[in-house]
């Protein structure tokens, strides 16, 4: 049970309550996941802004397309390096 407490990040009392209520207790995700999600969110927002501009202007500059591709590659690199 101590191992489950360490892995889940819950207190002993919290773990016991969760088990009594039938909640499936999972290991706490690594600390890097929060940073990864934040970076992916920022990258997604940037790509969305580029798409919004492209839709409004009905065309996209090659430099904007290159920037979107660069951001998508950076997102994939962050996922690959974290996992």
PDB file of N, CA and C in Angstrom:
ATOM      1  N   UNK A   1       0.816  -1.176   0.000  1.00  0.00           N
ATOM      2  CA  UNK A   1       0.000   0.000   0.000  1.00  0.00           C
ATOM      3  C   UNK A   1       0.874   1.261   0.000  1.00  0.00           C
ATOM      4  N   UNK A   2       1.992   1.205   0.695  1.00  0.00           N
ATOM      5  CA  UNK A   2       2.901   2.353   0.704  1.00  0.00           C
ATOM      6  C   UNK A   2       3.404   2.646  -0.706  1.00  0.00           C
ATOM      7  N   UNK A   3       3.623   1.587  -1.483  1.00  0.00           N
ATOM      8  CA  UNK A   3       4.081   1.769  -2.856  1.00  0.00           C
ATOM      9  C   UNK A   3       3.017   2.495  -3.677  1.00  0.00           C
ATOM     10  N   UNK A   4       1.744   2.128  -3.484  1.00  0.00           N
ATOM     11  CA  UNK A   4       0.654   2.793  -4.193  1.00  0.00           C
ATOM     12  C   UNK A   4       0.549   4.265  -3.804  1.00  0.00           C
ATOM     13  N   UNK A   5       0.789   4.564  -2.529  1.00  0.00           N
ATOM     14  CA  UNK A   5       0.762   5.951  -2.062  1.00  0.00           C
ATOM     15  C   UNK A   5       1.850   6.753  -2.779  1.00  0.00           C
ATOM     16  N   UNK A   6       3.050   6.205  -2.851  1.00  0.00           N
ATOM     17  CA  UNK A   6       4.159   6.892  -3.515  1.00  0.00           C
ATOM     18  C   UNK A   6       3.884   7.093  -5.001  1.00  0.00           C
ATOM     19  N   UNK A   7       3.381   6.050  -5.647  1.00  0.00           N
ATOM     20  CA  UNK A   7       3.141   6.124  -7.089  1.00  0.00           C
ATOM     21  C   UNK A   7       1.989   7.059  -7.441  1.00  0.00           C
ATOM     22  N   UNK A   8       0.960   7.084  -6.613  1.00  0.00           N
ATOM     23  CA  UNK A   8      -0.232   7.869  -6.941  1.00  0.00           C
ATOM     24  C   UNK A   8      -0.104   9.334  -6.544  1.00  0.00           C
ATOM     25  N   UNK A   9       0.760   9.629  -5.582  1.00  0.00           N
ATOM     26  CA  UNK A   9       0.869  10.994  -5.089  1.00  0.00           C
ATOM     27  C   UNK A   9      -0.220  11.338  -4.085  1.00  0.00           C
ATOM     28  N   UNK A  10      -1.038  10.361  -3.735  1.00  0.00           N
ATOM     29  CA  UNK A  10      -2.094  10.569  -2.742  1.00  0.00           C
ATOM     30  C   UNK A  10      -1.554  10.336  -1.345  1.00  0.00           C
ATOM     31  N   UNK A  11      -2.265  10.870  -0.357  1.00  0.00           N
ATOM     32  CA  UNK A  11      -1.945  10.523   1.030  1.00  0.00           C
ATOM     33  C   UNK A  11      -2.489   9.128   1.296  1.00  0.00           C
ATOM     34  N   UNK A  12      -2.069   8.525   2.392  1.00  0.00           N
ATOM     35  CA  UNK A  12      -2.579   7.196   2.749  1.00  0.00           C
ATOM     36  C   UNK A  12      -4.097   7.253   2.908  1.00  0.00           C
ATOM     37  N   UNK A  13      -4.585   8.322   3.573  1.00  0.00           N
ATOM     38  CA  UNK A  13      -6.028   8.472   3.776  1.00  0.00           C
ATOM     39  C   UNK A  13      -6.754   8.645   2.434  1.00  0.00           C
ATOM     40  N   UNK A  14      -6.183   9.448   1.568  1.00  0.00           N
ATOM     41  CA  UNK A  14      -6.785   9.661   0.258  1.00  0.00           C
ATOM     42  C   UNK A  14      -6.843   8.387  -0.566  1.00  0.00           C
ATOM     43  N   UNK A  15      -5.779   7.600  -0.500  1.00  0.00           N
ATOM     44  CA  UNK A  15      -5.740   6.325  -1.218  1.00  0.00           C
ATOM     45  C   UNK A  15      -6.808   5.380  -0.675  1.00  0.00           C
ATOM     46  N   UNK A  16      -6.906   5.281   0.630  1.00  0.00           N
ATOM     47  CA  UNK A  16      -7.897   4.392   1.241  1.00  0.00           C
ATOM     48  C   UNK A  16      -9.307   4.828   0.854  1.00  0.00           C
ATOM     49  N   UNK A  17      -9.590   6.153   0.919  1.00  0.00           N
ATOM     50  CA  UNK A  17     -10.912   6.649   0.525  1.00  0.00           C
ATOM     51  C   UNK A  17     -11.216   6.300  -0.930  1.00  0.00           C
ATOM     52  N   UNK A  18     -10.228   6.495  -1.783  1.00  0.00           N
ATOM     53  CA  UNK A  18     -10.421   6.190  -3.207  1.00  0.00           C
ATOM     54  C   UNK A  18     -10.721   4.716  -3.420  1.00  0.00           C
ATOM     55  N   UNK A  19      -9.983   3.854  -2.740  1.00  0.00           N
ATOM     56  CA  UNK A  19     -10.200   2.419  -2.884  1.00  0.00           C
ATOM     57  C   UNK A  19     -11.569   2.001  -2.352  1.00  0.00           C
ATOM     58  N   UNK A  20     -11.989   2.593  -1.229  1.00  0.00           N
ATOM     59  CA  UNK A  20     -13.300   2.272  -0.660  1.00  0.00           C
ATOM     60  C   UNK A  20     -14.415   2.692  -1.621  1.00  0.00           C
ATOM     61  N   UNK A  21     -14.228   3.844  -2.279  1.00  0.00           N
ATOM     62  CA  UNK A  21     -15.256   4.344  -3.205  1.00  0.00           C
ATOM     63  C   UNK A  21     -15.196   3.651  -4.563  1.00  0.00           C
ATOM     64  N   UNK A  22     -14.232   2.764  -4.739  1.00  0.00           N
ATOM     65  CA  UNK A  22     -14.134   2.020  -5.979  1.00  0.00           C
ATOM     66  C   UNK A  22     -13.462   2.788  -7.110  1.00  0.00           C
ATOM     67  N   UNK A  23     -12.754   3.863  -6.765  1.00  0.00           N
ATOM     68  CA  UNK A  23     -12.057   4.665  -7.776  1.00  0.00           C
ATOM     69  C   UNK A  23     -10.780   3.937  -8.179  1.00  0.00           C
ATOM     70  N   UNK A  24     -10.555   3.861  -9.487  1.00  0.00           N
ATOM     71  CA  UNK A  24      -9.325   3.232  -9.972  1.00  0.00           C
ATOM     72  C   UNK A  24      -8.168   4.225  -9.788  1.00  0.00           C
ATOM     73  N   UNK A  25      -7.189   3.842  -8.999  1.00  0.00           N
ATOM     74  CA  UNK A  25      -6.060   4.717  -8.687  1.00  0.00           C
ATOM     75  C   UNK A  25      -4.945   4.464  -9.689  1.00  0.00           C
ATOM     76  N   UNK A  26      -4.520   5.537 -10.350  1.00  0.00           N
ATOM     77  CA  UNK A  26      -3.452   5.451 -11.343  1.00  0.00           C
ATOM     78  C   UNK A  26      -2.196   6.127 -10.805  1.00  0.00           C
ATOM     79  N   UNK A  27      -1.030   5.735 -11.315  1.00  0.00           N
ATOM     80  CA  UNK A  27       0.190   6.430 -10.918  1.00  0.00           C
ATOM     81  C   UNK A  27       0.144   7.899 -11.349  1.00  0.00           C
ATOM     82  N   UNK A  28       0.738   8.749 -10.544  1.00  0.00           N
ATOM     83  CA  UNK A  28       0.805  10.173 -10.858  1.00  0.00           C
ATOM     84  C   UNK A  28       1.670  10.349 -12.102  1.00  0.00           C
ATOM     85  N   UNK A  29       1.229  11.161 -13.061  1.00  0.00           N
ATOM     86  CA  UNK A  29       2.042  11.356 -14.261  1.00  0.00           C
ATOM     87  C   UNK A  29       3.355  12.066 -13.920  1.00  0.00           C
ATOM     88  N   UNK A  30       4.387  11.833 -14.712  1.00  0.00           N
ATOM     89  CA  UNK A  30       5.662  12.509 -14.472  1.00  0.00           C
ATOM     90  C   UNK A  30       5.510  14.024 -14.521  1.00  0.00           C
ATOM     91  N   UNK A  31       6.375  14.725 -13.818  1.00  0.00           N
ATOM     92  CA  UNK A  31       6.330  16.182 -13.742  1.00  0.00           C
ATOM     93  C   UNK A  31       6.441  16.834 -15.120  1.00  0.00           C
ATOM     94  N   UNK A  32       7.137  16.178 -16.058  1.00  0.00           N
ATOM     95  CA  UNK A  32       7.322  16.757 -17.387  1.00  0.00           C
ATOM     96  C   UNK A  32       6.010  16.885 -18.139  1.00  0.00           C
ATOM     97  N   UNK A  33       4.995  16.109 -17.771  1.00  0.00           N
ATOM     98  CA  UNK A  33       3.734  16.120 -18.509  1.00  0.00           C
ATOM     99  C   UNK A  33       3.051  17.480 -18.441  1.00  0.00           C
ATOM    100  N   UNK A  34       3.104  18.140 -17.291  1.00  0.00           N
ATOM    101  CA  UNK A  34       2.459  19.451 -17.164  1.00  0.00           C
ATOM    102  C   UNK A  34       3.109  20.445 -18.112  1.00  0.00           C
ATOM    103  N   UNK A  35       4.439  20.449 -18.156  1.00  0.00           N
ATOM    104  CA  UNK A  35       5.150  21.351 -19.059  1.00  0.00           C
ATOM    105  C   UNK A  35       4.862  20.993 -20.512  1.00  0.00           C
ATOM    106  N   UNK A  36       4.794  19.705 -20.798  1.00  0.00           N
ATOM    107  CA  UNK A  36       4.495  19.255 -22.155  1.00  0.00           C
ATOM    108  C   UNK A  36       3.113  19.742 -22.591  1.00  0.00           C
ATOM    109  N   UNK A  37       2.125  19.576 -21.734  1.00  0.00           N
ATOM    110  CA  UNK A  37       0.769  20.015 -22.074  1.00  0.00           C
ATOM    111  C   UNK A  37       0.707  21.521 -22.284  1.00  0.00           C
ATOM    112  N   UNK A  38       1.434  22.260 -21.473  1.00  0.00           N
ATOM    113  CA  UNK A  38       1.462  23.720 -21.623  1.00  0.00           C
ATOM    114  C   UNK A  38       2.100  24.111 -22.953  1.00  0.00           C
ATOM    115  N   UNK A  39       3.209  23.479 -23.296  1.00  0.00           N
ATOM    116  CA  UNK A  39       3.881  23.775 -24.563  1.00  0.00           C
ATOM    117  C   UNK A  39       3.018  23.373 -25.757  1.00  0.00           C
ATOM    118  N   UNK A  40       2.389  22.209 -25.684  1.00  0.00           N
ATOM    119  CA  UNK A  40       1.522  21.769 -26.776  1.00  0.00           C
ATOM    120  C   UNK A  40       0.328  22.718 -26.949  1.00  0.00           C
ATOM    121  N   UNK A  41      -0.198  23.201 -25.845  1.00  0.00           N
ATOM    122  CA  UNK A  41      -1.302  24.147 -25.914  1.00  0.00           C
ATOM    123  C   UNK A  41      -0.873  25.438 -26.602  1.00  0.00           C
ATOM    124  N   UNK A  42       0.295  25.947 -26.251  1.00  0.00           N
ATOM    125  CA  UNK A  42       0.809  27.171 -26.873  1.00  0.00           C
ATOM    126  C   UNK A  42       1.054  26.956 -28.368  1.00  0.00           C
ATOM    127  N   UNK A  43       1.619  25.820 -28.712  1.00  0.00           N
ATOM    128  CA  UNK A  43       1.879  25.506 -30.126  1.00  0.00           C
ATOM    129  C   UNK A  43       0.559  25.398 -30.887  1.00  0.00           C
ATOM    130  N   UNK A  44      -0.425  24.733 -30.293  1.00  0.00           N
ATOM    131  CA  UNK A  44      -1.730  24.624 -30.925  1.00  0.00           C
ATOM    132  C   UNK A  44      -2.375  25.989 -31.140  1.00  0.00           C
ATOM    133  N   UNK A  45      -2.243  26.861 -30.154  1.00  0.00           N
ATOM    134  CA  UNK A  45      -2.786  28.217 -30.299  1.00  0.00           C
ATOM    135  C   UNK A  45      -2.104  28.968 -31.440  1.00  0.00           C
ATOM    136  N   UNK A  46      -0.786  28.840 -31.542  1.00  0.00           N
ATOM    137  CA  UNK A  46      -0.061  29.516 -32.624  1.00  0.00           C
ATOM    138  C   UNK A  46      -0.491  28.987 -33.993  1.00  0.00           C
ATOM    139  N   UNK A  47      -0.626  27.683 -34.112  1.00  0.00           N
ATOM    140  CA  UNK A  47      -1.070  27.097 -35.385  1.00  0.00           C
ATOM    141  C   UNK A  47      -2.492  27.557 -35.705  1.00  0.00           C
ATOM    142  N   UNK A  48      -3.340  27.631 -34.694  1.00  0.00           N
ATOM    143  CA  UNK A  48      -4.714  28.088 -34.903  1.00  0.00           C
ATOM    144  C   UNK A  48      -4.742  29.552 -35.365  1.00  0.00           C
ATOM    145  N   UNK A  49      -3.889  30.385 -34.814  1.00  0.00           N
ATOM    146  CA  UNK A  49      -3.816  31.784 -35.244  1.00  0.00           C
ATOM    147  C   UNK A  49      -3.377  31.884 -36.702  1.00  0.00           C
ATOM    148  N   UNK A  50      -2.409  31.073 -37.084  1.00  0.00           N
ATOM    149  CA  UNK A  50      -1.952  31.062 -38.479  1.00  0.00           C
ATOM    150  C   UNK A  50      -3.100  30.631 -39.392  1.00  0.00           C
ATOM    151  N   UNK A  51      -3.844  29.589 -38.988  1.00  0.00           N
ATOM    152  CA  UNK A  51      -4.972  29.112 -39.793  1.00  0.00           C
ATOM    153  C   UNK A  51      -6.061  30.177 -39.884  1.00  0.00           C
ATOM    154  N   UNK A  52      -6.308  30.880 -38.782  1.00  0.00           N
ATOM    155  CA  UNK A  52      -7.325  31.932 -38.774  1.00  0.00           C
ATOM    156  C   UNK A  52      -6.953  33.052 -39.755  1.00  0.00           C
ATOM    157  N   UNK A  53      -5.699  33.463 -39.753  1.00  0.00           N
ATOM    158  CA  UNK A  53      -5.232  34.497 -40.682  1.00  0.00           C
ATOM    159  C   UNK A  53      -5.362  33.998 -42.121  1.00  0.00           C
ATOM    160  N   UNK A  54      -4.961  32.756 -42.348  1.00  0.00           N
ATOM    161  CA  UNK A  54      -5.040  32.193 -43.705  1.00  0.00           C
ATOM    162  C   UNK A  54      -6.488  32.143 -44.188  1.00  0.00           C
ATOM    163  N   UNK A  55      -7.414  31.769 -43.307  1.00  0.00           N
ATOM    164  CA  UNK A  55      -8.829  31.707 -43.696  1.00  0.00           C
ATOM    165  C   UNK A  55      -9.389  33.101 -43.978  1.00  0.00           C
ATOM    166  N   UNK A  56      -8.962  34.085 -43.204  1.00  0.00           N
ATOM    167  CA  UNK A  56      -9.456  35.442 -43.391  1.00  0.00           C
ATOM    168  C   UNK A  56      -8.931  36.083 -44.662  1.00  0.00           C
ATOM    169  N   UNK A  57      -7.692  35.789 -44.992  1.00  0.00           N
ATOM    170  CA  UNK A  57      -7.070  36.391 -46.171  1.00  0.00           C
ATOM    171  C   UNK A  57      -7.257  35.537 -47.418  1.00  0.00           C
ATOM    172  N   UNK A  58      -7.748  34.325 -47.225  1.00  0.00           N
ATOM    173  CA  UNK A  58      -7.962  33.362 -48.317  1.00  0.00           C
ATOM    174  C   UNK A  58      -6.664  32.941 -49.009  1.00  0.00           C
ATOM    175  N   UNK A  59      -5.565  33.221 -48.372  1.00  0.00           N
ATOM    176  CA  UNK A  59      -4.275  32.713 -48.851  1.00  0.00           C
ATOM    177  C   UNK A  59      -3.315  32.694 -47.664  1.00  0.00           C
ATOM    178  N   UNK A  60      -2.246  31.990 -47.834  1.00  0.00           N
ATOM    179  CA  UNK A  60      -1.252  31.901 -46.773  1.00  0.00           C
ATOM    180  C   UNK A  60       0.126  32.085 -47.388  1.00  0.00           C
ATOM    181  N   UNK A  61       0.930  32.842 -46.696  1.00  0.00           N
ATOM    182  CA  UNK A  61       2.297  33.067 -47.161  1.00  0.00           C
ATOM    183  C   UNK A  61       3.130  31.818 -46.910  1.00  0.00           C
ATOM    184  N   UNK A  62       4.086  31.548 -47.777  1.00  0.00           N
ATOM    185  CA  UNK A  62       4.957  30.388 -47.545  1.00  0.00           C
ATOM    186  C   UNK A  62       5.648  30.444 -46.172  1.00  0.00           C
ATOM    187  N   UNK A  63       5.999  31.648 -45.720  1.00  0.00           N
ATOM    188  CA  UNK A  63       6.653  31.770 -44.413  1.00  0.00           C
ATOM    189  C   UNK A  63       5.701  31.363 -43.288  1.00  0.00           C
ATOM    190  N   UNK A  64       4.388  31.665 -43.429  1.00  0.00           N
ATOM    191  CA  UNK A  64       3.406  31.249 -42.421  1.00  0.00           C
ATOM    192  C   UNK A  64       3.246  29.733 -42.407  1.00  0.00           C
ATOM    193  N   UNK A  65       3.237  29.147 -43.592  1.00  0.00           N
ATOM    194  CA  UNK A  65       3.131  27.699 -43.702  1.00  0.00           C
ATOM    195  C   UNK A  65       4.373  27.020 -43.106  1.00  0.00           C
ATOM    196  N   UNK A  66       5.538  27.601 -43.376  1.00  0.00           N
ATOM    197  CA  UNK A  66       6.781  27.074 -42.790  1.00  0.00           C
ATOM    198  C   UNK A  66       6.746  27.159 -41.272  1.00  0.00           C
ATOM    199  N   UNK A  67       6.214  28.266 -40.741  1.00  0.00           N
ATOM    200  CA  UNK A  67       6.121  28.437 -39.287  1.00  0.00           C
ATOM    201  C   UNK A  67       5.186  27.392 -38.686  1.00  0.00           C
ATOM    202  N   UNK A  68       4.053  27.135 -39.324  1.00  0.00           N
ATOM    203  CA  UNK A  68       3.117  26.120 -38.830  1.00  0.00           C
ATOM    204  C   UNK A  68       3.764  24.736 -38.845  1.00  0.00           C
ATOM    205  N   UNK A  69       4.495  24.427 -39.916  1.00  0.00           N
ATOM    206  CA  UNK A  69       5.180  23.131 -39.998  1.00  0.00           C
ATOM    207  C   UNK A  69       6.247  23.015 -38.914  1.00  0.00           C
ATOM    208  N   UNK A  70       6.967  24.105 -38.683  1.00  0.00           N
ATOM    209  CA  UNK A  70       8.008  24.108 -37.640  1.00  0.00           C
ATOM    210  C   UNK A  70       7.385  23.871 -36.265  1.00  0.00           C
ATOM    211  N   UNK A  71       6.247  24.517 -36.010  1.00  0.00           N
ATOM    212  CA  UNK A  71       5.566  24.335 -34.724  1.00  0.00           C
ATOM    213  C   UNK A  71       5.056  22.905 -34.554  1.00  0.00           C
ATOM    214  N   UNK A  72       4.528  22.328 -35.617  1.00  0.00           N
ATOM    215  CA  UNK A  72       4.052  20.940 -35.548  1.00  0.00           C
ATOM    216  C   UNK A  72       5.216  19.987 -35.275  1.00  0.00           C
ATOM    217  N   UNK A  73       6.356  20.226 -35.911  1.00  0.00           N
ATOM    218  CA  UNK A  73       7.539  19.383 -35.669  1.00  0.00           C
ATOM    219  C   UNK A  73       8.034  19.542 -34.240  1.00  0.00           C
ATOM    220  N   UNK A  74       7.983  20.764 -33.721  1.00  0.00           N
ATOM    221  CA  UNK A  74       8.394  21.008 -32.336  1.00  0.00           C
ATOM    222  C   UNK A  74       7.463  20.277 -31.369  1.00  0.00           C
ATOM    223  N   UNK A  75       6.177  20.273 -31.664  1.00  0.00           N
ATOM    224  CA  UNK A  75       5.222  19.552 -30.825  1.00  0.00           C
ATOM    225  C   UNK A  75       5.557  18.063 -30.803  1.00  0.00           C
ATOM    226  N   UNK A  76       5.815  17.492 -31.964  1.00  0.00           N
ATOM    227  CA  UNK A  76       6.154  16.071 -32.042  1.00  0.00           C
ATOM    228  C   UNK A  76       7.446  15.779 -31.289  1.00  0.00           C
ATOM    229  N   UNK A  77       8.440  16.666 -31.406  1.00  0.00           N
ATOM    230  CA  UNK A  77       9.714  16.477 -30.700  1.00  0.00           C
ATOM    231  C   UNK A  77       9.485  16.492 -29.194  1.00  0.00           C
ATOM    232  N   UNK A  78       8.649  17.412 -28.705  1.00  0.00           N
ATOM    233  CA  UNK A  78       8.381  17.478 -27.272  1.00  0.00           C
ATOM    234  C   UNK A  78       7.719  16.195 -26.775  1.00  0.00           C
ATOM    235  N   UNK A  79       6.769  15.691 -27.536  1.00  0.00           N
ATOM    236  CA  UNK A  79       6.097  14.443 -27.150  1.00  0.00           C
ATOM    237  C   UNK A  79       7.094  13.291 -27.147  1.00  0.00           C
ATOM    238  N   UNK A  80       7.862  13.164 -28.217  1.00  0.00           N
ATOM    239  CA  UNK A  80       8.833  12.076 -28.333  1.00  0.00           C
ATOM    240  C   UNK A  80       9.865  12.111 -27.211  1.00  0.00           C
ATOM    241  N   UNK A  81      10.364  13.312 -26.887  1.00  0.00           N
ATOM    242  CA  UNK A  81      11.393  13.443 -25.850  1.00  0.00           C
ATOM    243  C   UNK A  81      10.838  13.193 -24.452  1.00  0.00           C
ATOM    244  N   UNK A  82       9.553  13.502 -24.245  1.00  0.00           N
ATOM    245  CA  UNK A  82       8.960  13.332 -22.921  1.00  0.00           C
ATOM    246  C   UNK A  82       8.575  11.892 -22.661  1.00  0.00           C
ATOM    247  N   UNK A  83       8.090  11.219 -23.698  1.00  0.00           N
ATOM    248  CA  UNK A  83       7.669   9.842 -23.510  1.00  0.00           C
ATOM    249  C   UNK A  83       8.850   8.941 -23.674  1.00  0.00           C
TER     250      UNK A  83
END
